[in-house]
Each structure stands twice: as C-alpha cells, then as structure tokens.
Protein backbone atom coordinates (compact mmCIF):
# COMPACT_ATOMS: atom_id res chain seq x y z
CA UNK A 1 15.36 21.48 11.09
CA UNK A 2 12.31 20.25 9.11
CA UNK A 3 10.46 17.40 11.59
CA UNK A 4 7.67 15.53 9.89
CA UNK A 5 5.61 12.53 11.02
CA UNK A 6 3.07 9.99 10.36
CA UNK A 7 0.35 9.42 13.14
CA UNK A 8 -2.13 6.34 12.50
CA UNK A 9 -4.76 4.92 14.57
CA UNK A 10 -3.98 1.34 15.32
CA UNK A 11 -7.83 0.29 14.69
CA UNK A 12 -7.42 -1.38 11.41
CA UNK A 13 -4.70 -2.33 8.58
CA UNK A 14 -2.33 0.35 7.00
CA UNK A 15 -3.90 1.19 3.44
CA UNK A 16 -2.18 2.51 0.51
CA UNK A 17 -3.69 6.11 1.09
CA UNK A 18 -2.01 6.34 4.61
CA UNK A 19 1.53 4.76 3.21
CA UNK A 20 1.34 7.52 0.48
CA UNK A 21 1.20 10.26 3.23
CA UNK A 22 4.05 8.74 5.15
CA UNK A 23 6.14 8.41 2.03
CA UNK A 24 5.54 12.32 1.28
CA UNK A 25 6.34 13.18 4.71
CA UNK A 26 9.40 10.79 4.64
CA UNK A 27 10.62 12.36 1.56
CA UNK A 28 10.45 15.77 2.85
CA UNK A 29 12.29 15.02 5.86
CA UNK A 30 15.11 13.09 4.27
CA UNK A 31 15.35 15.82 1.67
CA UNK A 32 15.84 18.32 4.12
CA UNK A 33 18.12 16.08 6.52
CA UNK A 34 15.47 16.38 8.91
CA UNK A 35 13.59 13.88 11.20
CA UNK A 36 10.71 11.66 10.45
CA UNK A 37 8.82 10.35 13.40
CA UNK A 38 6.43 7.90 13.85
CA UNK A 39 3.34 8.14 16.24
CA UNK A 40 0.71 5.81 17.32
CA UNK A 41 -2.48 7.46 18.23
CA UNK A 42 -4.13 4.88 20.29
CA UNK A 43 -6.17 6.65 22.57
CA UNK A 44 -9.27 4.79 21.54
CA UNK A 45 -8.72 2.04 23.95
CA UNK A 46 -11.65 -0.22 23.16
CA UNK A 47 -10.90 -0.17 19.56
CA UNK A 48 -7.17 -0.37 19.44
CA UNK A 49 -5.52 -3.65 18.31
CA UNK A 50 -2.04 -4.75 18.93
CA UNK A 51 -1.84 -6.54 15.36
CA UNK A 52 -2.51 -3.33 13.75
CA UNK A 53 0.25 -1.63 15.32
CA UNK A 54 2.62 -4.77 14.06
CA UNK A 55 1.19 -4.38 10.69
CA UNK A 56 2.13 -0.59 10.56
CA UNK A 57 5.73 -1.58 11.73
CA UNK A 58 5.86 -4.13 9.01
CA UNK A 59 5.13 -2.19 6.55
CA UNK A 60 7.26 0.39 7.28
CA UNK A 61 10.10 -1.88 7.27
CA UNK A 62 8.99 -3.84 4.32
CA UNK A 63 8.77 -0.23 2.12
CA UNK A 64 12.07 1.09 3.97
CA UNK A 65 10.36 4.18 5.35
CA UNK A 66 12.69 3.98 8.29
CA UNK A 67 11.52 6.47 10.95
CA UNK A 68 13.71 8.42 13.81
CA UNK A 69 13.65 8.27 17.58
CA UNK A 70 11.27 6.00 19.41
CA UNK A 71 7.74 5.28 18.41
CA UNK A 72 5.35 7.84 20.33
CA UNK A 73 2.16 6.12 21.92
CA UNK A 74 -0.59 8.57 22.74
CA UNK A 75 -1.76 5.98 25.09
CA UNK A 76 1.37 6.73 27.36
CA UNK A 77 0.79 10.52 27.36
CA UNK A 78 -2.59 10.92 29.30
CA UNK A 79 -0.90 12.57 32.26
CA UNK A 80 0.27 15.27 29.90
CA UNK A 81 -3.10 15.80 28.36
CA UNK A 82 -4.78 16.32 31.53
CA UNK A 83 -2.27 18.64 32.78
CA UNK A 84 -2.77 20.81 30.08
CA UNK A 85 -6.42 20.72 29.93
CA UNK A 86 -6.53 21.80 33.53
CA UNK A 87 -4.01 25.00 32.51
CA UNK A 88 -6.50 25.91 29.84
CA UNK A 89 -9.40 25.73 32.45
CA UNK A 90 -7.29 27.75 34.87
CA UNK A 91 -6.58 30.33 32.30
CA UNK A 92 -10.20 30.92 31.55
CA UNK A 93 -9.66 29.46 28.02
CA UNK A 94 -11.75 26.23 28.29
CA UNK A 95 -14.88 25.43 30.49
CA UNK A 96 -16.87 22.55 31.84
CA UNK A 97 -20.31 22.03 29.55
CA UNK A 98 -23.13 20.48 31.52
CA UNK A 99 -25.25 19.94 28.18
CA UNK A 100 -27.46 16.83 28.31
CA UNK A 101 -27.52 14.28 25.49
CA UNK A 102 -30.92 15.37 25.10
CA UNK A 103 -30.10 18.75 24.90
CA UNK A 104 -27.14 17.99 22.54
CA UNK A 105 -29.88 15.99 20.07
CA UNK A 106 -31.99 19.15 20.43
CA UNK A 107 -29.13 21.25 18.99
CA UNK A 108 -28.10 18.64 16.50
CA UNK A 109 -31.65 18.18 14.94
CA UNK A 110 -32.17 22.05 14.56
CA UNK A 111 -28.80 22.59 12.70
CA UNK A 112 -29.92 19.55 10.21
CA UNK A 113 -33.00 21.26 9.40
CA UNK A 114 -31.13 24.67 8.88
CA UNK A 115 -33.05 26.20 12.02
CA UNK A 116 -31.75 28.14 14.94
CA UNK A 117 -31.64 25.82 17.65
CA UNK A 118 -33.49 26.53 20.94
CA UNK A 119 -30.67 25.75 23.26
CA UNK A 120 -27.18 27.74 23.16
CA UNK A 121 -24.34 25.31 22.38
CA UNK A 122 -22.36 27.65 24.73
CA UNK A 123 -24.89 27.70 27.46
CA UNK A 124 -22.13 27.16 30.01
CA UNK A 125 -19.24 29.10 28.28
CA UNK A 126 -19.30 31.80 31.15
CA UNK A 127 -20.87 29.59 33.95
CA UNK A 128 -19.01 30.03 37.07
CA UNK A 129 -20.60 27.52 39.39
CA UNK A 130 -19.78 23.85 39.61
CA UNK A 131 -22.61 21.20 39.13
CA UNK A 132 -22.88 17.62 40.50
CA UNK A 133 -23.49 16.62 36.97
CA UNK A 134 -21.58 14.88 34.09
CA UNK A 135 -19.68 17.33 32.08
CA UNK A 136 -17.33 17.68 29.05
CA UNK A 137 -14.49 20.01 28.58
CA UNK A 138 -15.06 22.70 25.78
CA UNK A 139 -12.21 25.08 24.46
CA UNK A 140 -13.48 28.47 24.08
CA UNK A 141 -13.13 29.54 20.00
CA UNK A 142 -13.19 33.07 19.25
CA UNK A 143 -16.71 34.56 18.59
CA UNK A 144 -15.88 36.85 15.78
CA UNK A 145 -13.02 37.39 13.03
CA UNK A 146 -11.32 34.67 10.73
CA UNK A 147 -9.08 31.91 11.20
CA UNK A 148 -6.57 31.61 8.48
CA UNK A 149 -3.73 29.68 7.56
CA UNK A 150 -1.62 29.28 4.33
CA UNK A 151 -1.64 25.58 3.06
CA UNK A 152 1.31 24.37 1.31
CA UNK A 153 -1.04 22.76 -1.38
CA UNK A 154 -4.27 24.42 -1.44
CA UNK A 155 -3.15 27.99 -0.65
CA UNK A 156 -4.83 30.33 1.52
CA UNK A 157 -7.63 28.86 3.66
CA UNK A 158 -9.93 30.91 6.11
CA UNK A 159 -13.07 30.02 7.91
CA UNK A 160 -15.32 32.55 10.01
CA UNK A 161 -14.96 32.19 13.62
CA UNK A 162 -18.78 32.38 13.79
CA UNK A 163 -18.89 28.94 12.00
CA UNK A 164 -17.02 27.36 14.56
CA UNK A 165 -18.63 25.78 17.79
CA UNK A 166 -16.41 25.61 21.03
CA UNK A 167 -14.84 22.03 20.36
CA UNK A 168 -14.72 19.37 22.88
CA UNK A 169 -11.26 18.59 24.30
CA UNK A 170 -12.09 16.38 26.77
CA UNK A 171 -14.87 13.75 27.04
CA UNK A 172 -17.36 13.13 29.80
CA UNK A 173 -15.04 10.25 31.24
CA UNK A 174 -12.17 12.65 31.21
CA UNK A 175 -10.60 11.31 27.84
CA UNK A 176 -9.13 13.80 25.72
CA UNK A 177 -10.13 14.32 21.94
CA UNK A 178 -8.23 14.14 18.68
CA UNK A 179 -8.09 17.73 18.01
CA UNK A 180 -6.68 18.42 21.31
CA UNK A 181 -4.06 15.52 21.56
CA UNK A 182 -2.76 16.14 18.06
CA UNK A 183 -1.70 19.53 18.80
CA UNK A 184 0.01 18.59 22.11
CA UNK A 185 1.70 15.85 20.33
CA UNK A 186 3.12 17.45 17.36
CA UNK A 187 4.06 20.56 19.48
CA UNK A 188 6.15 17.97 21.93
CA UNK A 189 7.78 16.20 19.08
CA UNK A 190 8.71 19.43 17.77
CA UNK A 191 6.91 19.04 14.08
CA UNK A 192 7.54 21.77 11.75
CA UNK A 193 6.02 20.43 8.78
CA UNK A 194 2.25 18.44 8.54
CA UNK A 195 1.43 16.52 5.39
CA UNK A 196 -1.80 14.86 5.73
CA UNK A 197 -5.19 13.94 4.07
CA UNK A 198 -7.54 16.92 3.12
CA UNK A 199 -9.99 15.22 4.96
CA UNK A 200 -8.41 16.94 8.18
CA UNK A 201 -8.69 20.28 6.57
CA UNK A 202 -11.72 21.27 8.98
CA UNK A 203 -9.68 20.13 11.76
CA UNK A 204 -6.74 22.30 11.04
CA UNK A 205 -8.73 25.60 11.99
CA UNK A 206 -9.50 24.25 15.28
CA UNK A 207 -6.00 22.83 15.76
CA UNK A 208 -4.64 26.14 15.19
CA UNK A 209 -6.72 27.76 17.71
CA UNK A 210 -5.47 25.47 20.63
CA UNK A 211 -1.46 26.27 19.25
CA UNK A 212 -2.50 29.83 19.77
CA UNK A 213 -4.02 29.44 23.01
CA UNK A 214 -0.79 27.76 24.56
CA UNK A 215 1.28 30.28 22.54
CA UNK A 216 3.00 27.76 20.53
CA UNK A 217 4.23 28.17 16.97
CA UNK A 218 1.64 26.81 14.10
CA UNK A 219 3.60 24.16 11.95
CA UNK A 220 3.31 24.55 7.98
CA UNK A 221 0.38 22.35 6.63
CA UNK A 222 -0.07 20.60 3.15
CA UNK A 223 -3.31 18.78 2.89
CA UNK A 224 -3.29 16.26 0.10
CA UNK A 225 -6.54 15.22 -1.89
CA UNK A 226 -7.65 11.68 -1.59
CA UNK A 227 -6.79 8.73 -3.79
CA UNK A 228 -10.06 7.73 -5.95
CA UNK A 229 -10.55 4.86 -7.98
CA UNK A 230 -10.17 4.62 -11.59
CA UNK A 231 -13.76 5.69 -11.91
CA UNK A 232 -13.05 8.70 -9.62
CA UNK A 233 -15.20 7.35 -6.84
CA UNK A 234 -13.84 6.56 -3.30
CA UNK A 235 -11.44 3.56 -3.27
CA UNK A 236 -13.02 0.13 -2.11
CA UNK A 237 -11.02 -3.03 -1.09
CA UNK A 238 -11.57 -4.34 -4.36
CA UNK A 239 -9.76 -1.21 -6.02
CA UNK A 240 -6.76 -1.85 -3.91
CA UNK A 241 -7.63 -0.13 -0.65
CA UNK A 242 -6.16 -2.96 1.54
CA UNK A 243 -3.73 -3.92 3.74
CA UNK A 244 -0.11 -2.61 2.54
CA UNK A 245 1.17 -5.99 3.33
CA UNK A 246 -1.23 -7.68 1.19
CA UNK A 247 0.62 -6.29 -2.00
CA UNK A 248 3.54 -8.16 -0.70
CA UNK A 249 1.35 -11.33 -0.60
CA UNK A 250 0.30 -10.47 -4.16
CA UNK A 251 3.97 -10.47 -5.29
CA UNK A 252 4.71 -6.56 -5.60
CA UNK A 253 8.28 -5.34 -4.94
CA UNK A 254 8.06 -2.23 -2.34
CA UNK A 255 9.99 -0.10 -4.77
CA UNK A 256 7.47 -0.76 -7.29
CA UNK A 257 4.58 0.38 -4.69
CA UNK A 258 6.52 3.27 -3.61
CA UNK A 259 7.30 4.28 -7.17
CA UNK A 260 3.71 4.13 -7.82
CA UNK A 261 2.57 6.02 -4.82
CA UNK A 262 4.76 8.97 -5.38
CA UNK A 263 3.32 9.49 -8.93
CA UNK A 264 -0.21 9.41 -7.41
CA UNK A 265 -0.71 13.30 -6.84
CA UNK A 266 2.88 14.15 -7.62
CA UNK A 267 4.76 14.46 -10.87
CA UNK A 268 8.03 15.61 -12.28
CA UNK A 269 7.68 16.32 -15.87
CA UNK A 270 7.02 12.96 -17.76
CA UNK A 271 9.39 10.88 -15.46
CA UNK A 272 7.45 7.62 -14.21
CA UNK A 273 10.60 5.70 -12.93
CA UNK A 274 12.21 7.10 -10.06
CA UNK A 275 15.12 5.84 -7.58
CA UNK A 276 14.67 6.48 -4.08
CA UNK A 277 17.54 9.23 -4.17
CA UNK A 278 15.68 10.86 -7.07
CA UNK A 279 12.34 11.08 -5.00
CA UNK A 280 14.25 12.50 -2.21
CA UNK A 281 15.98 15.09 -4.40
CA UNK A 282 12.94 15.98 -6.61
CA UNK A 283 10.00 16.08 -4.16
CA UNK A 284 8.58 19.06 -2.83
CA UNK A 285 5.18 19.08 -1.25
CA UNK A 286 4.17 22.40 -2.94
CA UNK A 287 4.26 20.43 -6.18
CA UNK A 288 1.55 17.99 -5.10
CA UNK A 289 -1.60 18.22 -7.23
CA UNK A 290 -4.87 19.99 -5.97
CA UNK A 291 -7.26 17.38 -7.48
CA UNK A 292 -7.40 13.71 -6.22
CA UNK A 293 -5.28 11.24 -7.75
CA UNK A 294 -6.58 8.00 -9.34
CA UNK A 295 -5.59 4.37 -8.59
CA UNK A 296 -4.49 2.78 -11.64
CA UNK A 297 -3.68 -0.80 -11.52
CA UNK A 298 -2.16 -1.33 -14.81
CA UNK A 299 0.33 1.19 -14.08
CA UNK A 300 1.23 -0.36 -10.65
CA UNK A 301 1.60 -3.63 -12.53
CA UNK A 302 3.55 -1.94 -15.26
CA UNK A 303 6.23 -0.42 -12.71
CA UNK A 304 6.20 -3.94 -10.94
CA UNK A 305 7.29 -6.00 -14.10
CA UNK A 306 9.86 -3.34 -14.51
CA UNK A 307 11.43 -3.63 -11.19
CA UNK A 308 11.35 -7.27 -11.50
CA UNK A 309 13.18 -7.29 -14.80
CA UNK A 310 15.91 -5.37 -13.25
CA UNK A 311 16.22 -7.19 -10.01
CA UNK A 312 18.90 -9.39 -9.42
CA UNK A 313 18.13 -13.10 -9.84
CA UNK A 314 19.71 -13.87 -6.35
CA UNK A 315 17.16 -11.35 -4.45
CA UNK A 316 14.33 -12.91 -6.63
CA UNK A 317 15.14 -16.46 -5.62
CA UNK A 318 15.05 -15.71 -2.10
CA UNK A 319 11.75 -13.73 -2.18
CA UNK A 320 10.34 -16.62 -4.09
CA UNK A 321 11.49 -19.05 -1.29
CA UNK A 322 10.67 -16.61 1.27
CA UNK A 323 7.30 -15.38 0.30
CA UNK A 324 5.90 -18.05 -1.78
CA UNK A 325 7.55 -21.12 -0.77
CA UNK A 326 9.04 -21.41 -3.93
CA UNK A 327 12.54 -22.79 -3.47
CA UNK A 328 14.82 -23.05 -6.50
CA UNK A 329 18.10 -21.98 -4.91
CA UNK A 330 19.76 -25.13 -5.59
CA UNK A 331 18.19 -25.66 -9.08
CA UNK A 332 21.01 -26.13 -11.51
CA UNK A 333 18.66 -24.31 -14.18
CA UNK A 334 17.30 -21.65 -12.07
CA UNK A 335 19.09 -18.65 -14.11
CA UNK A 336 17.47 -20.12 -17.33
CA UNK A 337 13.96 -20.17 -15.52
CA UNK A 338 14.11 -17.02 -13.89
CA UNK A 339 15.57 -14.83 -16.99
CA UNK A 340 12.84 -16.29 -18.99
CA UNK A 341 9.93 -15.59 -16.50
CA UNK A 342 11.17 -12.16 -15.94
CA UNK A 343 10.12 -10.89 -19.36
CA UNK A 344 6.53 -12.46 -18.72
CA UNK A 345 5.30 -11.72 -15.14
CA UNK A 346 3.60 -8.74 -13.61
CA UNK A 347 4.01 -10.12 -10.14
CA UNK A 348 6.20 -12.43 -8.09
CA UNK A 349 3.10 -14.33 -7.09
CA UNK A 350 2.55 -15.10 -10.96
CA UNK A 351 6.10 -16.17 -11.16
CA UNK A 352 5.84 -18.65 -8.29
CA UNK A 353 2.71 -19.90 -10.00
CA UNK A 354 4.43 -20.41 -13.29
CA UNK A 355 7.47 -22.07 -11.68
CA UNK A 356 5.13 -24.33 -9.88
CA UNK A 357 3.16 -25.39 -13.13
CA UNK A 358 6.78 -25.92 -14.90
CA UNK A 359 8.46 -27.96 -11.99
CA UNK A 360 5.45 -30.07 -11.14
CA UNK A 361 4.20 -32.61 -13.64
CA UNK A 362 0.91 -31.69 -15.00
CA UNK A 363 -1.98 -33.91 -13.51
CA UNK A 364 -4.28 -32.74 -16.29
CA UNK A 365 -4.32 -31.52 -19.88
CA UNK A 366 -6.16 -28.35 -21.34
CA UNK A 367 -9.09 -30.03 -23.21
CA UNK A 368 -9.03 -27.59 -26.14
CA UNK A 369 -5.09 -27.73 -26.68
CA UNK A 370 -5.47 -31.71 -26.51
CA UNK A 371 -8.67 -31.55 -29.11
CA UNK A 372 -6.50 -29.09 -31.23
CA UNK A 373 -3.03 -30.74 -31.22
CA UNK A 374 -3.17 -34.44 -29.78
CA UNK A 375 -3.96 -36.51 -32.92
CA UNK A 376 -2.75 -40.11 -33.75
CA UNK A 377 0.02 -39.17 -35.86
CA UNK A 378 1.31 -36.52 -33.10
CA UNK A 379 1.33 -39.79 -30.72
CA UNK A 380 3.57 -41.42 -33.47
CA UNK A 381 5.74 -38.31 -33.85
CA UNK A 382 6.14 -38.26 -29.90
CA UNK A 383 7.14 -41.69 -29.77
CA UNK A 384 9.79 -41.31 -32.42
CA UNK A 385 11.14 -38.02 -30.72
CA UNK A 386 11.65 -40.01 -27.56
CA UNK A 387 13.90 -42.65 -29.32
CA UNK A 388 15.64 -39.81 -31.49
CA UNK A 389 16.75 -37.82 -28.23
CA UNK A 390 17.59 -41.11 -26.49
CA UNK A 391 21.54 -40.64 -27.21
CA UNK A 392 21.60 -36.97 -27.56
CA UNK A 393 23.35 -34.52 -25.04
CA UNK A 394 20.74 -32.18 -24.20
CA UNK A 395 21.81 -29.73 -21.40
CA UNK A 396 21.11 -26.23 -22.58
CA UNK A 397 18.19 -24.33 -24.57
CA UNK A 398 20.68 -24.35 -27.89
CA UNK A 399 20.80 -28.26 -27.70
CA UNK A 400 17.11 -28.77 -27.28
CA UNK A 401 16.49 -26.18 -30.21
CA UNK A 402 18.93 -27.76 -32.58
CA UNK A 403 17.27 -31.49 -31.63
CA UNK A 404 13.72 -30.41 -32.22
CA UNK A 405 14.72 -28.71 -35.33
CA UNK A 406 16.70 -31.77 -36.70
CA UNK A 407 13.81 -33.87 -36.02
CA UNK A 408 11.31 -31.88 -37.95
CA UNK A 409 13.66 -31.69 -40.81
CA UNK A 410 14.16 -35.31 -40.79
CA UNK A 411 10.64 -36.13 -40.49
CA UNK A 412 9.48 -33.49 -43.02
CA UNK A 413 6.81 -32.13 -40.72
CA UNK A 414 5.83 -28.92 -39.64
CA UNK A 415 6.26 -27.55 -36.21
CA UNK A 416 2.88 -27.69 -35.19
CA UNK A 417 3.11 -31.41 -35.00
CA UNK A 418 5.74 -31.39 -32.53
CA UNK A 419 6.22 -28.04 -30.27
CA UNK A 420 2.60 -27.45 -29.16
CA UNK A 421 2.38 -31.52 -28.19
CA UNK A 422 5.58 -31.26 -26.31
CA UNK A 423 4.21 -28.16 -24.46
CA UNK A 424 1.18 -29.95 -23.32
CA UNK A 425 3.22 -32.94 -22.31
CA UNK A 426 5.49 -31.04 -20.11
CA UNK A 427 3.24 -28.22 -18.79
CA UNK A 428 -0.40 -29.19 -19.81
CA UNK A 429 -0.96 -26.36 -21.85
CA UNK A 430 0.41 -24.77 -25.02
CA UNK A 431 1.18 -21.43 -23.32
CA UNK A 432 4.62 -20.58 -21.45
CA UNK A 433 8.29 -19.69 -21.70
CA UNK A 434 10.64 -20.52 -24.68
CA UNK A 435 9.92 -24.29 -25.32
CA UNK A 436 13.58 -24.87 -25.58
CA UNK A 437 14.41 -23.15 -22.29
CA UNK A 438 11.33 -24.93 -20.87
CA UNK A 439 12.91 -28.38 -21.85
CA UNK A 440 16.26 -27.71 -20.69
CA UNK A 441 15.13 -26.39 -17.07
CA UNK A 442 13.28 -29.75 -16.72
CA UNK A 443 16.12 -31.87 -17.93
CA UNK A 444 15.94 -34.84 -20.41
CA UNK A 445 14.81 -37.50 -18.00
CA UNK A 446 12.03 -35.44 -16.62
CA UNK A 447 10.88 -34.39 -20.32
CA UNK A 448 10.90 -38.19 -21.15
CA UNK A 449 9.05 -39.23 -18.43
CA UNK A 450 6.39 -36.62 -19.00
CA UNK A 451 6.11 -37.49 -22.65
CA UNK A 452 5.57 -40.97 -21.83
CA UNK A 453 2.93 -39.99 -19.45
CA UNK A 454 1.03 -38.21 -22.20
CA UNK A 455 1.39 -41.12 -24.67
CA UNK A 456 0.17 -43.50 -22.18
CA UNK A 457 -2.86 -41.50 -21.56
CA UNK A 458 -3.95 -40.76 -25.55
CA UNK A 459 -2.36 -43.69 -27.38
CA UNK A 460 -5.12 -45.71 -29.08
CA UNK A 461 -4.42 -49.25 -28.94
C-alpha cells in the first residue's frame, strides 16, 4: 500500500509551496487507494507555535486535503528517538564527539577558505574512553564508495561518501536532529513514497545511511523543484508566499487554489482546469517537471473567476456572509445581483466590495464622472425621470430597461444624458453591473431616494 505524508514544522505559517507538496502527496496516496498522513515536526520546542499548528489544520480542512489516522507529533516521541540513538551507539555505528565550539569553528573556517582543516572532524570516531565534557552524538558515515538513489523526478542521484561528514544525530542537550528523527518517523509511519521539495535533496543521502544502519527499507523519493516568482527568483510575501489562509481572506475558492497549484510543476497536455477526481486519476509524481515553476497571479485569478462563475449562488451567499460579513441571503434580488457580479469579479472579496458599494448609498461621487456628466440639463432630466417613473411598476431589470428607453424616446435625448447620471446617483460612479439590473436590485423607492440626494447636492438654485 502506498503511504505518503506531509510533515511541516509549526514555526510559521503554511505557505503555498508547502500546500503544493501536501497536494502532490495527497493525490498520489488517493490515486493508489493508500494513506496520506500528517506529521507535525515540533522538536524545536523554543520556536514552536500552537497557532501555527492550528493554521496548518485549518488549511487542510479548507482545501479538503483530508489526512488518515491521527496526527503524529514528534515532541511526543523523544523516548523512541533516545532509545534508537543508544542502539546505534551500542552497535558502534555512532559515537560521542567532544569537539569544542572553537575546534568546530576552526574546521568551518578552513573549509570556507577551501583549505584542509588542522583538526579532523572525525577526531573521536574511534575514541573508546569517556570524557567528562559536553558532547554531541555523530553517526558513522562510510569513508569510501558512493551513496546513490533513484529519484522519481530527477533520476539517478549519487554522492561520494568522502564528501559527507559524520552527521550529528543528537545535540549536546540530548535532543535529536532533523535528519535522524525524520527517518525514524517515516519508518514507523510506514512511508513508501516521499514527495518533498528539492531543498531536501542533500539530506536524502544522509537519511539513506540511517535507513541502512537499522536495516530498514528505503522509501521512494521524489524531489520537487521550488516555486519561483514571475521573474524566476525566490518568492516573497509580495509574490504570494503568504499563509494559505490569506488566500481565503482574499476571496479565493479552495478548488481554484488547488487547481492552480497542481499546474505549478505538473501538467497533462494543455488542460488547465481539473476536477479533484481528474487530478487523482491523472497525477503521477514521475511527471513532475524537473525545472522550477513560476507563480502567475493572473492565472490564479482566471481560475478563481472560472470557479466563481460555476459555483451555485447559494454557496456564494454563504461564503459572502461567513467570510466577508455581507448578508444578502434574504434580499429579494440576490439572484440578479450575484449573477451580474459573477461575470465581473475575480475574487469573492471583490464581489463583497461591489455588493457593499451597491447596497449602501454613496457618501461621495466620483469627481471626474460628475464633471463629465452632471450638467444643469441633466439635473432637469433626472427630475423629470423621477416624475416619469412615479406610477410605473418597476420590479425586474426588463421593466427598468423599458422605462429608461421610453423616457429617452419621449425626451428625444441620447443615453449619455440619463444612463451615466443614474449610475452616479445610485453608486457614485459610472462603472458597475448592468444598469437595469442595478436599479432592479435597489428597488424603485431606493432609486428615487438616491436620485433625489444627487439632485439636492448638485442642483443650482
């Protein structure tokens, strides 16, 4: 059975690069009817944040990446790590290293200069006595030969053993290091396939040695190139490297973000839009691109607008209320309002802002629009239009459309002497949804009130 995992550290937010890694692992497990596990790597007790753990869980719930079994917390497994470190010591596969900070600094400085260090990093590798000094525990890496593995994305990967130091597996305070605990956890959780960022590629060689030291089967590795910004550089917060839940706050739908992420580094022909079922059926980590992908905000916006257009209005109403505080569930013209905005907006946040602009009487008017359209004769037209609609039944967009055009015909004037001024009166600007739909949503009495307000402001006595 295929078993994959996502293993974040709760020291900060979950960004989209992490979510994409989780998605790839989730899809591969679901495709193979296996398991997708979640592990929280919280061994750094000083930097861990409970809110970061909660944010990770929220992001998984929002995007629908359900995990199997209980969440594993590394902080609850220290006794297991300690026992296995002692096992390696007893087998002679690890040793206590008493090198001081000064000695380590000397070695580090020499290497940075490309020189041969005067102190051997393996000084205590075969030391058999015990010293009453602080120590770390190092793993005995092989001194010759090659360490190789077949990466599912990058192909055969090899490194010469003499390029590797004896890695530290326990710090001087006894806490185990990342490259040790990750092997123990992945083995105990039954991992068969590990899909992760290629910033871990060098770690994999070290981890393979630990697998082999315990006689455990090495899982299949797939190392995924990073996501870059549109210029091909490392992503920053400005580029979109923010908390996944920020995308929810900005009005993106989870299926749009997931669809966007699957296409960052993986493709299936020229297809851009995938249902979750299609992703599961078509995804194979061997098809992940070898080169870094580039974040494209326009593509994300395009996908989000597609999913908004194809979402039921009932769902959008609830999201607008729950996420943006815009409650139109009991508005009698909500269907017209949502249908009109669906074709115009890229995000639900944008839709919420547009609805707020429509439903609240304008407190100010666009100066350029007023200067261009609000003339003395236009004020006269608006006054006459108020009288004209007084006895008309205006409930639906077509009735408003017919009334406006009838008025234009009777007056013998061009649309610009009525239509833009009506928009300015109702929403303070000349941009927005179809005018007849707008007037219908507001209702006759509200329209009359807003026209009267504009007349009162700009009428010259």
